[in-house]
Amino acid sequence: MPPQGGDIDAEALEAIGIDLSAIREKVEAAFGPGALDRPPRPGRKGRPFGGRHIPFTPRAKKTLELSLREAIHLRHNHIADGHVLLGVLREGEGLGARILAEADIDFATLRREIVTELG
């Protein structure tokens, strides 16, 4: 299935060797068919999960902490998706990192490309 939305991003990722179709297959193998296509279910007050607090796993907390460190290192006053991906790469052991590794993505090359894009 072709990637949804963001065709420019898909082309940029493909240019550095990331096959979004392969990534989608891995995610769906882990979370079920169509996992990336399902909209969040609104709960109470129109929020997903009924407005309840959903705690982060320790690995997710570490990844977010590393994302913040990446943003600070780059002297950015915000955390964008690129910073989160840098955090995933730096953490290196979670599902996202495993999927990228299984797709034969070179972390050092991807890191350089992300840093360049983030400016």
PDB file of N, CA and C in Angstrom:
ATOM      1  N   MET A   1       0.855  -1.176   0.000  1.00  0.00           N
ATOM      2  CA  MET A   1       0.000   0.000   0.000  1.00  0.00           C
ATOM      3  C   MET A   1       0.897   1.234   0.000  1.00  0.00           C
ATOM      4  N   PRO A   2       0.675   2.195  -0.862  1.00  0.00           N
ATOM      5  CA  PRO A   2       1.502   3.393  -0.895  1.00  0.00           C
ATOM      6  C   PRO A   2       1.307   4.226   0.343  1.00  0.00           C
ATOM      7  N   PRO A   3       2.341   4.975   0.725  1.00  0.00           N
ATOM      8  CA  PRO A   3       2.207   5.810   1.910  1.00  0.00           C
ATOM      9  C   PRO A   3       1.117   6.843   1.731  1.00  0.00           C
ATOM     10  N   GLN A   4       0.416   7.177   2.822  1.00  0.00           N
ATOM     11  CA  GLN A   4      -0.680   8.128   2.772  1.00  0.00           C
ATOM     12  C   GLN A   4      -0.168   9.519   3.067  1.00  0.00           C
ATOM     13  N   GLY A   5      -0.681  10.525   2.358  1.00  0.00           N
ATOM     14  CA  GLY A   5      -0.301  11.910   2.612  1.00  0.00           C
ATOM     15  C   GLY A   5       1.168  12.132   2.361  1.00  0.00           C
ATOM     16  N   GLY A   6       1.661  13.297   2.618  1.00  0.00           N
ATOM     17  CA  GLY A   6       3.069  13.636   2.596  1.00  0.00           C
ATOM     18  C   GLY A   6       3.902  12.996   1.508  1.00  0.00           C
ATOM     19  N   ASP A   7       3.477  13.066   0.245  1.00  0.00           N
ATOM     20  CA  ASP A   7       4.249  12.453  -0.827  1.00  0.00           C
ATOM     21  C   ASP A   7       5.661  13.010  -0.909  1.00  0.00           C
ATOM     22  N   ILE A   8       5.826  14.292  -0.622  1.00  0.00           N
ATOM     23  CA  ILE A   8       7.156  14.891  -0.673  1.00  0.00           C
ATOM     24  C   ILE A   8       8.042  14.237   0.372  1.00  0.00           C
ATOM     25  N   ASP A   9       7.518  14.026   1.591  1.00  0.00           N
ATOM     26  CA  ASP A   9       8.290  13.360   2.631  1.00  0.00           C
ATOM     27  C   ASP A   9       8.644  11.941   2.212  1.00  0.00           C
ATOM     28  N   ALA A  10       7.694  11.240   1.608  1.00  0.00           N
ATOM     29  CA  ALA A  10       7.941   9.870   1.167  1.00  0.00           C
ATOM     30  C   ALA A  10       9.064   9.847   0.141  1.00  0.00           C
ATOM     31  N   GLU A  11       9.048  10.804  -0.776  1.00  0.00           N
ATOM     32  CA  GLU A  11      10.103  10.871  -1.788  1.00  0.00           C
ATOM     33  C   GLU A  11      11.449  11.183  -1.154  1.00  0.00           C
ATOM     34  N   ALA A  12      11.473  12.078  -0.168  1.00  0.00           N
ATOM     35  CA  ALA A  12      12.721  12.425   0.510  1.00  0.00           C
ATOM     36  C   ALA A  12      13.271  11.215   1.259  1.00  0.00           C
ATOM     37  N   LEU A  13      12.395  10.476   1.932  1.00  0.00           N
ATOM     38  CA  LEU A  13      12.839   9.288   2.655  1.00  0.00           C
ATOM     39  C   LEU A  13      13.332   8.214   1.688  1.00  0.00           C
ATOM     40  N   GLU A  14      12.633   8.064   0.576  1.00  0.00           N
ATOM     41  CA  GLU A  14      13.051   7.084  -0.423  1.00  0.00           C
ATOM     42  C   GLU A  14      14.432   7.426  -0.980  1.00  0.00           C
ATOM     43  N   ALA A  15      14.704   8.725  -1.115  1.00  0.00           N
ATOM     44  CA  ALA A  15      15.999   9.164  -1.644  1.00  0.00           C
ATOM     45  C   ALA A  15      17.155   8.764  -0.738  1.00  0.00           C
ATOM     46  N   ILE A  16      16.878   8.591   0.564  1.00  0.00           N
ATOM     47  CA  ILE A  16      17.954   8.165   1.472  1.00  0.00           C
ATOM     48  C   ILE A  16      17.813   6.688   1.847  1.00  0.00           C
ATOM     49  N   GLY A  17      17.001   5.969   1.080  1.00  0.00           N
ATOM     50  CA  GLY A  17      16.941   4.520   1.222  1.00  0.00           C
ATOM     51  C   GLY A  17      15.890   3.981   2.169  1.00  0.00           C
ATOM     52  N   ILE A  18      14.909   4.789   2.551  1.00  0.00           N
ATOM     53  CA  ILE A  18      13.855   4.317   3.447  1.00  0.00           C
ATOM     54  C   ILE A  18      12.623   3.991   2.628  1.00  0.00           C
ATOM     55  N   ASP A  19      12.206   2.742   2.678  1.00  0.00           N
ATOM     56  CA  ASP A  19      11.036   2.268   1.953  1.00  0.00           C
ATOM     57  C   ASP A  19       9.834   2.293   2.896  1.00  0.00           C
ATOM     58  N   LEU A  20       8.966   3.291   2.736  1.00  0.00           N
ATOM     59  CA  LEU A  20       7.826   3.432   3.642  1.00  0.00           C
ATOM     60  C   LEU A  20       6.874   2.251   3.562  1.00  0.00           C
ATOM     61  N   SER A  21       6.783   1.614   2.416  1.00  0.00           N
ATOM     62  CA  SER A  21       5.914   0.440   2.295  1.00  0.00           C
ATOM     63  C   SER A  21       6.417  -0.687   3.198  1.00  0.00           C
ATOM     64  N   ALA A  22       7.738  -0.864   3.229  1.00  0.00           N
ATOM     65  CA  ALA A  22       8.321  -1.899   4.092  1.00  0.00           C
ATOM     66  C   ALA A  22       8.118  -1.548   5.561  1.00  0.00           C
ATOM     67  N   ILE A  23       8.259  -0.266   5.893  1.00  0.00           N
ATOM     68  CA  ILE A  23       8.050   0.175   7.272  1.00  0.00           C
ATOM     69  C   ILE A  23       6.593  -0.064   7.675  1.00  0.00           C
ATOM     70  N   ARG A  24       5.665   0.290   6.764  1.00  0.00           N
ATOM     71  CA  ARG A  24       4.237   0.078   7.029  1.00  0.00           C
ATOM     72  C   ARG A  24       3.965  -1.400   7.303  1.00  0.00           C
ATOM     73  N   GLU A  25       4.554  -2.285   6.515  1.00  0.00           N
ATOM     74  CA  GLU A  25       4.359  -3.725   6.710  1.00  0.00           C
ATOM     75  C   GLU A  25       4.825  -4.154   8.092  1.00  0.00           C
ATOM     76  N   LYS A  26       5.983  -3.648   8.531  1.00  0.00           N
ATOM     77  CA  LYS A  26       6.517  -4.001   9.848  1.00  0.00           C
ATOM     78  C   LYS A  26       5.599  -3.494  10.964  1.00  0.00           C
ATOM     79  N   VAL A  27       5.121  -2.264  10.824  1.00  0.00           N
ATOM     80  CA  VAL A  27       4.238  -1.700  11.842  1.00  0.00           C
ATOM     81  C   VAL A  27       2.942  -2.499  11.905  1.00  0.00           C
ATOM     82  N   GLU A  28       2.393  -2.842  10.746  1.00  0.00           N
ATOM     83  CA  GLU A  28       1.145  -3.606  10.721  1.00  0.00           C
ATOM     84  C   GLU A  28       1.350  -5.017  11.254  1.00  0.00           C
ATOM     85  N   ALA A  29       2.537  -5.586  11.051  1.00  0.00           N
ATOM     86  CA  ALA A  29       2.825  -6.905  11.621  1.00  0.00           C
ATOM     87  C   ALA A  29       2.831  -6.821  13.149  1.00  0.00           C
ATOM     88  N   ALA A  30       3.311  -5.702  13.683  1.00  0.00           N
ATOM     89  CA  ALA A  30       3.381  -5.539  15.138  1.00  0.00           C
ATOM     90  C   ALA A  30       2.044  -5.125  15.748  1.00  0.00           C
ATOM     91  N   PHE A  31       1.278  -4.262  15.047  1.00  0.00           N
ATOM     92  CA  PHE A  31       0.082  -3.664  15.641  1.00  0.00           C
ATOM     93  C   PHE A  31      -1.226  -4.031  14.945  1.00  0.00           C
ATOM     94  N   GLY A  32      -1.138  -4.807  13.874  1.00  0.00           N
ATOM     95  CA  GLY A  32      -2.348  -5.224  13.178  1.00  0.00           C
ATOM     96  C   GLY A  32      -2.573  -4.456  11.895  1.00  0.00           C
ATOM     97  N   PRO A  33      -3.286  -5.092  10.939  1.00  0.00           N
ATOM     98  CA  PRO A  33      -3.560  -4.454   9.656  1.00  0.00           C
ATOM     99  C   PRO A  33      -4.293  -3.128   9.817  1.00  0.00           C
ATOM    100  N   GLY A  34      -3.864  -2.139   9.068  1.00  0.00           N
ATOM    101  CA  GLY A  34      -4.516  -0.839   9.082  1.00  0.00           C
ATOM    102  C   GLY A  34      -4.226  -0.009  10.320  1.00  0.00           C
ATOM    103  N   ALA A  35      -3.255  -0.425  11.141  1.00  0.00           N
ATOM    104  CA  ALA A  35      -2.968   0.293  12.395  1.00  0.00           C
ATOM    105  C   ALA A  35      -2.616   1.749  12.153  1.00  0.00           C
ATOM    106  N   LEU A  36      -1.986   2.048  11.037  1.00  0.00           N
ATOM    107  CA  LEU A  36      -1.603   3.425  10.738  1.00  0.00           C
ATOM    108  C   LEU A  36      -2.743   4.221  10.111  1.00  0.00           C
ATOM    109  N   ASP A  37      -3.805   3.545   9.706  1.00  0.00           N
ATOM    110  CA  ASP A  37      -4.902   4.209   9.013  1.00  0.00           C
ATOM    111  C   ASP A  37      -6.080   4.537   9.924  1.00  0.00           C
ATOM    112  N   ARG A  38      -6.120   3.928  11.097  1.00  0.00           N
ATOM    113  CA  ARG A  38      -7.251   4.129  11.998  1.00  0.00           C
ATOM    114  C   ARG A  38      -7.189   5.506  12.648  1.00  0.00           C
ATOM    115  N   PRO A  39      -8.273   6.260  12.578  1.00  0.00           N
ATOM    116  CA  PRO A  39      -8.297   7.537  13.294  1.00  0.00           C
ATOM    117  C   PRO A  39      -8.435   7.262  14.790  1.00  0.00           C
ATOM    118  N   PRO A  40      -7.935   8.156  15.627  1.00  0.00           N
ATOM    119  CA  PRO A  40      -8.124   7.955  17.062  1.00  0.00           C
ATOM    120  C   PRO A  40      -9.607   8.022  17.405  1.00  0.00           C
ATOM    121  N   ARG A  41     -10.022   7.218  18.351  1.00  0.00           N
ATOM    122  CA  ARG A  41     -11.420   7.214  18.770  1.00  0.00           C
ATOM    123  C   ARG A  41     -11.631   8.290  19.822  1.00  0.00           C
ATOM    124  N   PRO A  42     -12.520   9.234  19.542  1.00  0.00           N
ATOM    125  CA  PRO A  42     -12.758  10.247  20.567  1.00  0.00           C
ATOM    126  C   PRO A  42     -13.517   9.655  21.741  1.00  0.00           C
ATOM    127  N   GLY A  43     -13.180  10.118  22.897  1.00  0.00           N
ATOM    128  CA  GLY A  43     -13.873   9.665  24.105  1.00  0.00           C
ATOM    129  C   GLY A  43     -14.619  10.836  24.701  1.00  0.00           C
ATOM    130  N   ARG A  44     -14.661  10.878  26.013  1.00  0.00           N
ATOM    131  CA  ARG A  44     -15.293  12.012  26.688  1.00  0.00           C
ATOM    132  C   ARG A  44     -14.600  13.303  26.297  1.00  0.00           C
ATOM    133  N   LYS A  45     -15.355  14.335  26.221  1.00  0.00           N
ATOM    134  CA  LYS A  45     -14.843  15.662  25.910  1.00  0.00           C
ATOM    135  C   LYS A  45     -14.165  15.711  24.538  1.00  0.00           C
ATOM    136  N   GLY A  46     -14.481  14.749  23.666  1.00  0.00           N
ATOM    137  CA  GLY A  46     -13.948  14.760  22.317  1.00  0.00           C
ATOM    138  C   GLY A  46     -12.485  14.364  22.215  1.00  0.00           C
ATOM    139  N   ARG A  47     -11.894  13.902  23.302  1.00  0.00           N
ATOM    140  CA  ARG A  47     -10.480  13.529  23.283  1.00  0.00           C
ATOM    141  C   ARG A  47     -10.323  12.018  23.161  1.00  0.00           C
ATOM    142  N   PRO A  48      -9.216  11.583  22.528  1.00  0.00           N
ATOM    143  CA  PRO A  48      -8.964  10.136  22.505  1.00  0.00           C
ATOM    144  C   PRO A  48      -8.844   9.612  23.931  1.00  0.00           C
ATOM    145  N   PHE A  49      -9.242   8.416  24.174  1.00  0.00           N
ATOM    146  CA  PHE A  49      -9.144   7.727  25.458  1.00  0.00           C
ATOM    147  C   PHE A  49      -9.987   8.391  26.547  1.00  0.00           C
ATOM    148  N   GLY A  50     -10.992   9.196  26.152  1.00  0.00           N
ATOM    149  CA  GLY A  50     -11.901   9.778  27.116  1.00  0.00           C
ATOM    150  C   GLY A  50     -11.268  10.820  28.016  1.00  0.00           C
ATOM    151  N   GLY A  51     -10.147  11.395  27.588  1.00  0.00           N
ATOM    152  CA  GLY A  51      -9.490  12.413  28.381  1.00  0.00           C
ATOM    153  C   GLY A  51      -8.635  11.847  29.503  1.00  0.00           C
ATOM    154  N   ARG A  52      -8.533  10.531  29.595  1.00  0.00           N
ATOM    155  CA  ARG A  52      -7.711   9.912  30.639  1.00  0.00           C
ATOM    156  C   ARG A  52      -6.228  10.101  30.317  1.00  0.00           C
ATOM    157  N   HIS A  53      -5.428  10.082  31.330  1.00  0.00           N
ATOM    158  CA  HIS A  53      -3.974  10.139  31.158  1.00  0.00           C
ATOM    159  C   HIS A  53      -3.490   8.746  30.755  1.00  0.00           C
ATOM    160  N   ILE A  54      -2.775   8.665  29.671  1.00  0.00           N
ATOM    161  CA  ILE A  54      -2.178   7.401  29.240  1.00  0.00           C
ATOM    162  C   ILE A  54      -0.694   7.495  29.565  1.00  0.00           C
ATOM    163  N   PRO A  55      -0.207   6.700  30.519  1.00  0.00           N
ATOM    164  CA  PRO A  55       1.197   6.822  30.916  1.00  0.00           C
ATOM    165  C   PRO A  55       2.149   6.335  29.822  1.00  0.00           C
ATOM    166  N   PHE A  56       3.304   6.981  29.761  1.00  0.00           N
ATOM    167  CA  PHE A  56       4.349   6.558  28.834  1.00  0.00           C
ATOM    168  C   PHE A  56       5.106   5.377  29.432  1.00  0.00           C
ATOM    169  N   THR A  57       5.591   4.510  28.552  1.00  0.00           N
ATOM    170  CA  THR A  57       6.470   3.441  29.004  1.00  0.00           C
ATOM    171  C   THR A  57       7.827   4.059  29.343  1.00  0.00           C
ATOM    172  N   PRO A  58       8.647   3.375  30.118  1.00  0.00           N
ATOM    173  CA  PRO A  58       9.981   3.906  30.411  1.00  0.00           C
ATOM    174  C   PRO A  58      10.787   4.203  29.135  1.00  0.00           C
ATOM    175  N   ARG A  59      10.668   3.336  28.133  1.00  0.00           N
ATOM    176  CA  ARG A  59      11.409   3.557  26.888  1.00  0.00           C
ATOM    177  C   ARG A  59      10.893   4.791  26.156  1.00  0.00           C
ATOM    178  N   ALA A  60       9.584   5.008  26.148  1.00  0.00           N
ATOM    179  CA  ALA A  60       9.015   6.204  25.514  1.00  0.00           C
ATOM    180  C   ALA A  60       9.479   7.454  26.244  1.00  0.00           C
ATOM    181  N   LYS A  61       9.510   7.407  27.586  1.00  0.00           N
ATOM    182  CA  LYS A  61      10.004   8.545  28.367  1.00  0.00           C
ATOM    183  C   LYS A  61      11.456   8.850  28.008  1.00  0.00           C
ATOM    184  N   LYS A  62      12.263   7.798  27.894  1.00  0.00           N
ATOM    185  CA  LYS A  62      13.679   7.983  27.556  1.00  0.00           C
ATOM    186  C   LYS A  62      13.815   8.593  26.164  1.00  0.00           C
ATOM    187  N   THR A  63      13.018   8.117  25.225  1.00  0.00           N
ATOM    188  CA  THR A  63      13.063   8.648  23.859  1.00  0.00           C
ATOM    189  C   THR A  63      12.679  10.121  23.842  1.00  0.00           C
ATOM    190  N   LEU A  64      11.651  10.492  24.592  1.00  0.00           N
ATOM    191  CA  LEU A  64      11.251  11.901  24.651  1.00  0.00           C
ATOM    192  C   LEU A  64      12.326  12.754  25.324  1.00  0.00           C
ATOM    193  N   GLU A  65      12.947  12.219  26.358  1.00  0.00           N
ATOM    194  CA  GLU A  65      14.047  12.931  27.011  1.00  0.00           C
ATOM    195  C   GLU A  65      15.193  13.151  26.020  1.00  0.00           C
ATOM    196  N   LEU A  66      15.520  12.110  25.261  1.00  0.00           N
ATOM    197  CA  LEU A  66      16.591  12.230  24.266  1.00  0.00           C
ATOM    198  C   LEU A  66      16.204  13.199  23.150  1.00  0.00           C
ATOM    199  N   SER A  67      14.920  13.250  22.816  1.00  0.00           N
ATOM    200  CA  SER A  67      14.431  14.211  21.820  1.00  0.00           C
ATOM    201  C   SER A  67      14.663  15.636  22.305  1.00  0.00           C
ATOM    202  N   LEU A  68      14.364  15.871  23.571  1.00  0.00           N
ATOM    203  CA  LEU A  68      14.609  17.185  24.162  1.00  0.00           C
ATOM    204  C   LEU A  68      16.096  17.518  24.130  1.00  0.00           C
ATOM    205  N   ARG A  69      16.926  16.565  24.490  1.00  0.00           N
ATOM    206  CA  ARG A  69      18.382  16.799  24.470  1.00  0.00           C
ATOM    207  C   ARG A  69      18.869  17.122  23.057  1.00  0.00           C
ATOM    208  N   GLU A  70      18.304  16.429  22.072  1.00  0.00           N
ATOM    209  CA  GLU A  70      18.678  16.710  20.672  1.00  0.00           C
ATOM    210  C   GLU A  70      18.281  18.130  20.294  1.00  0.00           C
ATOM    211  N   ALA A  71      17.073  18.542  20.673  1.00  0.00           N
ATOM    212  CA  ALA A  71      16.615  19.905  20.364  1.00  0.00           C
ATOM    213  C   ALA A  71      17.513  20.942  21.041  1.00  0.00           C
ATOM    214  N   ILE A  72      17.851  20.711  22.301  1.00  0.00           N
ATOM    215  CA  ILE A  72      18.729  21.635  23.025  1.00  0.00           C
ATOM    216  C   ILE A  72      20.098  21.693  22.362  1.00  0.00           C
ATOM    217  N   HIS A  73      20.634  20.530  22.003  1.00  0.00           N
ATOM    218  CA  HIS A  73      21.946  20.474  21.345  1.00  0.00           C
ATOM    219  C   HIS A  73      21.956  21.266  20.035  1.00  0.00           C
ATOM    220  N   LEU A  74      20.834  21.213  19.322  1.00  0.00           N
ATOM    221  CA  LEU A  74      20.728  21.938  18.050  1.00  0.00           C
ATOM    222  C   LEU A  74      20.298  23.394  18.260  1.00  0.00           C
ATOM    223  N   ARG A  75      20.141  23.789  19.522  1.00  0.00           N
ATOM    224  CA  ARG A  75      19.744  25.150  19.896  1.00  0.00           C
ATOM    225  C   ARG A  75      18.369  25.535  19.347  1.00  0.00           C
ATOM    226  N   HIS A  76      17.466  24.565  19.381  1.00  0.00           N
ATOM    227  CA  HIS A  76      16.089  24.808  18.963  1.00  0.00           C
ATOM    228  C   HIS A  76      15.232  25.029  20.205  1.00  0.00           C
ATOM    229  N   ASN A  77      14.227  25.860  20.081  1.00  0.00           N
ATOM    230  CA  ASN A  77      13.344  26.128  21.219  1.00  0.00           C
ATOM    231  C   ASN A  77      12.024  25.369  21.104  1.00  0.00           C
ATOM    232  N   HIS A  78      12.047  24.267  20.373  1.00  0.00           N
ATOM    233  CA  HIS A  78      10.859  23.432  20.201  1.00  0.00           C
ATOM    234  C   HIS A  78      11.318  21.999  19.938  1.00  0.00           C
ATOM    235  N   ILE A  79      10.389  21.073  20.055  1.00  0.00           N
ATOM    236  CA  ILE A  79      10.657  19.677  19.694  1.00  0.00           C
ATOM    237  C   ILE A  79       9.748  19.332  18.534  1.00  0.00           C
ATOM    238  N   ALA A  80      10.337  19.012  17.397  1.00  0.00           N
ATOM    239  CA  ALA A  80       9.587  18.638  16.192  1.00  0.00           C
ATOM    240  C   ALA A  80       9.730  17.129  15.963  1.00  0.00           C
ATOM    241  N   ASP A  81       9.034  16.651  14.947  1.00  0.00           N
ATOM    242  CA  ASP A  81       9.096  15.225  14.643  1.00  0.00           C
ATOM    243  C   ASP A  81      10.517  14.752  14.369  1.00  0.00           C
ATOM    244  N   GLY A  82      11.328  15.603  13.750  1.00  0.00           N
ATOM    245  CA  GLY A  82      12.719  15.237  13.490  1.00  0.00           C
ATOM    246  C   GLY A  82      13.498  15.004  14.776  1.00  0.00           C
ATOM    247  N   HIS A  83      13.234  15.813  15.792  1.00  0.00           N
ATOM    248  CA  HIS A  83      13.900  15.627  17.082  1.00  0.00           C
ATOM    249  C   HIS A  83      13.478  14.303  17.713  1.00  0.00           C
ATOM    250  N   VAL A  84      12.190  13.971  17.566  1.00  0.00           N
ATOM    251  CA  VAL A  84      11.703  12.703  18.116  1.00  0.00           C
ATOM    252  C   VAL A  84      12.382  11.537  17.398  1.00  0.00           C
ATOM    253  N   LEU A  85      12.508  11.628  16.081  1.00  0.00           N
ATOM    254  CA  LEU A  85      13.189  10.566  15.346  1.00  0.00           C
ATOM    255  C   LEU A  85      14.649  10.463  15.775  1.00  0.00           C
ATOM    256  N   LEU A  86      15.302  11.593  16.006  1.00  0.00           N
ATOM    257  CA  LEU A  86      16.674  11.559  16.530  1.00  0.00           C
ATOM    258  C   LEU A  86      16.708  10.864  17.887  1.00  0.00           C
ATOM    259  N   GLY A  87      15.687  11.113  18.722  1.00  0.00           N
ATOM    260  CA  GLY A  87      15.592  10.431  20.014  1.00  0.00           C
ATOM    261  C   GLY A  87      15.411   8.928  19.850  1.00  0.00           C
ATOM    262  N   VAL A  88      14.598   8.531  18.886  1.00  0.00           N
ATOM    263  CA  VAL A  88      14.397   7.098  18.604  1.00  0.00           C
ATOM    264  C   VAL A  88      15.725   6.471  18.188  1.00  0.00           C
ATOM    265  N   LEU A  89      16.451   7.147  17.303  1.00  0.00           N
ATOM    266  CA  LEU A  89      17.737   6.622  16.843  1.00  0.00           C
ATOM    267  C   LEU A  89      18.738   6.523  17.991  1.00  0.00           C
ATOM    268  N   ARG A  90      18.767   7.552  18.815  1.00  0.00           N
ATOM    269  CA  ARG A  90      19.720   7.591  19.927  1.00  0.00           C
ATOM    270  C   ARG A  90      19.385   6.542  20.985  1.00  0.00           C
ATOM    271  N   GLU A  91      18.095   6.328  21.260  1.00  0.00           N
ATOM    272  CA  GLU A  91      17.687   5.304  22.231  1.00  0.00           C
ATOM    273  C   GLU A  91      18.063   3.923  21.703  1.00  0.00           C
ATOM    274  N   GLY A  92      17.780   3.700  20.427  1.00  0.00           N
ATOM    275  CA  GLY A  92      18.313   2.562  19.690  1.00  0.00           C
ATOM    276  C   GLY A  92      17.771   1.177  19.937  1.00  0.00           C
ATOM    277  N   GLU A  93      16.883   0.966  20.913  1.00  0.00           N
ATOM    278  CA  GLU A  93      16.453  -0.396  21.203  1.00  0.00           C
ATOM    279  C   GLU A  93      14.946  -0.612  21.113  1.00  0.00           C
ATOM    280  N   GLY A  94      14.169   0.433  20.912  1.00  0.00           N
ATOM    281  CA  GLY A  94      12.719   0.306  20.859  1.00  0.00           C
ATOM    282  C   GLY A  94      12.237  -0.250  19.540  1.00  0.00           C
ATOM    283  N   LEU A  95      10.921  -0.390  19.444  1.00  0.00           N
ATOM    284  CA  LEU A  95      10.311  -0.943  18.239  1.00  0.00           C
ATOM    285  C   LEU A  95      10.642  -0.115  17.002  1.00  0.00           C
ATOM    286  N   GLY A  96      10.582   1.215  17.130  1.00  0.00           N
ATOM    287  CA  GLY A  96      10.904   2.072  15.983  1.00  0.00           C
ATOM    288  C   GLY A  96      12.313   1.851  15.485  1.00  0.00           C
ATOM    289  N   ALA A  97      13.258   1.782  16.399  1.00  0.00           N
ATOM    290  CA  ALA A  97      14.659   1.548  16.019  1.00  0.00           C
ATOM    291  C   ALA A  97      14.825   0.159  15.405  1.00  0.00           C
ATOM    292  N   ARG A  98      14.133  -0.824  15.965  1.00  0.00           N
ATOM    293  CA  ARG A  98      14.228  -2.184  15.398  1.00  0.00           C
ATOM    294  C   ARG A  98      13.680  -2.234  13.987  1.00  0.00           C
ATOM    295  N   ILE A  99      12.545  -1.556  13.753  1.00  0.00           N
ATOM    296  CA  ILE A  99      11.952  -1.551  12.409  1.00  0.00           C
ATOM    297  C   ILE A  99      12.906  -0.894  11.424  1.00  0.00           C
ATOM    298  N   LEU A 100      13.506   0.227  11.820  1.00  0.00           N
ATOM    299  CA  LEU A 100      14.468   0.899  10.944  1.00  0.00           C
ATOM    300  C   LEU A 100      15.684   0.009  10.686  1.00  0.00           C
ATOM    301  N   ALA A 101      16.178  -0.661  11.722  1.00  0.00           N
ATOM    302  CA  ALA A 101      17.342  -1.544  11.562  1.00  0.00           C
ATOM    303  C   ALA A 101      17.015  -2.717  10.643  1.00  0.00           C
ATOM    304  N   GLU A 102      15.826  -3.303  10.817  1.00  0.00           N
ATOM    305  CA  GLU A 102      15.426  -4.430   9.965  1.00  0.00           C
ATOM    306  C   GLU A 102      15.238  -4.001   8.511  1.00  0.00           C
ATOM    307  N   ALA A 103      14.982  -2.715   8.296  1.00  0.00           N
ATOM    308  CA  ALA A 103      14.856  -2.185   6.930  1.00  0.00           C
ATOM    309  C   ALA A 103      16.222  -1.768   6.386  1.00  0.00           C
ATOM    310  N   ASP A 104      17.275  -2.133   7.117  1.00  0.00           N
ATOM    311  CA  ASP A 104      18.658  -1.831   6.720  1.00  0.00           C
ATOM    312  C   ASP A 104      18.924  -0.335   6.580  1.00  0.00           C
ATOM    313  N   ILE A 105      18.327   0.456   7.462  1.00  0.00           N
ATOM    314  CA  ILE A 105      18.568   1.892   7.474  1.00  0.00           C
ATOM    315  C   ILE A 105      19.839   2.147   8.262  1.00  0.00           C
ATOM    316  N   ASP A 106      20.755   2.884   7.691  1.00  0.00           N
ATOM    317  CA  ASP A 106      21.981   3.248   8.390  1.00  0.00           C
ATOM    318  C   ASP A 106      21.668   4.424   9.318  1.00  0.00           C
ATOM    319  N   PHE A 107      21.765   4.190  10.619  1.00  0.00           N
ATOM    320  CA  PHE A 107      21.379   5.207  11.592  1.00  0.00           C
ATOM    321  C   PHE A 107      22.231   6.468  11.468  1.00  0.00           C
ATOM    322  N   ALA A 108      23.531   6.315  11.238  1.00  0.00           N
ATOM    323  CA  ALA A 108      24.412   7.489  11.138  1.00  0.00           C
ATOM    324  C   ALA A 108      24.026   8.357   9.944  1.00  0.00           C
ATOM    325  N   THR A 109      23.737   7.726   8.815  1.00  0.00           N
ATOM    326  CA  THR A 109      23.342   8.473   7.621  1.00  0.00           C
ATOM    327  C   THR A 109      22.002   9.161   7.844  1.00  0.00           C
ATOM    328  N   LEU A 110      21.048   8.431   8.407  1.00  0.00           N
ATOM    329  CA  LEU A 110      19.731   9.011   8.668  1.00  0.00           C
ATOM    330  C   LEU A 110      19.858  10.178   9.639  1.00  0.00           C
ATOM    331  N   ARG A 111      20.689  10.022  10.652  1.00  0.00           N
ATOM    332  CA  ARG A 111      20.896  11.090  11.635  1.00  0.00           C
ATOM    333  C   ARG A 111      21.430  12.356  10.951  1.00  0.00           C
ATOM    334  N   ARG A 112      22.437  12.196  10.095  1.00  0.00           N
ATOM    335  CA  ARG A 112      22.995  13.352   9.385  1.00  0.00           C
ATOM    336  C   ARG A 112      21.946  14.031   8.534  1.00  0.00           C
ATOM    337  N   GLU A 113      21.128  13.242   7.845  1.00  0.00           N
ATOM    338  CA  GLU A 113      20.079  13.802   6.983  1.00  0.00           C
ATOM    339  C   GLU A 113      19.040  14.573   7.807  1.00  0.00           C
ATOM    340  N   ILE A 114      18.664  14.020   8.940  1.00  0.00           N
ATOM    341  CA  ILE A 114      17.664  14.685   9.790  1.00  0.00           C
ATOM    342  C   ILE A 114      18.213  15.996  10.328  1.00  0.00           C
ATOM    343  N   VAL A 115      19.452  15.976  10.822  1.00  0.00           N
ATOM    344  CA  VAL A 115      20.067  17.184  11.369  1.00  0.00           C
ATOM    345  C   VAL A 115      20.152  18.263  10.283  1.00  0.00           C
ATOM    346  N   THR A 116      20.502  17.852   9.073  1.00  0.00           N
ATOM    347  CA  THR A 116      20.571  18.796   7.958  1.00  0.00           C
ATOM    348  C   THR A 116      19.198  19.404   7.689  1.00  0.00           C
ATOM    349  N   GLU A 117      18.155  18.568   7.681  1.00  0.00           N
ATOM    350  CA  GLU A 117      16.789  19.046   7.428  1.00  0.00           C
ATOM    351  C   GLU A 117      16.297  19.981   8.542  1.00  0.00           C
ATOM    352  N   LEU A 118      16.673  19.647   9.764  1.00  0.00           N
ATOM    353  CA  LEU A 118      16.235  20.481  10.890  1.00  0.00           C
ATOM    354  C   LEU A 118      16.949  21.827  10.904  1.00  0.00           C
ATOM    355  N   GLY A 119      18.098  21.891  10.245  1.00  0.00           N
ATOM    356  CA  GLY A 119      18.840  23.169  10.169  1.00  0.00           C
ATOM    357  C   GLY A 119      19.610  23.390  11.407  1.00  0.00           C
TER     358      GLY A 119
END
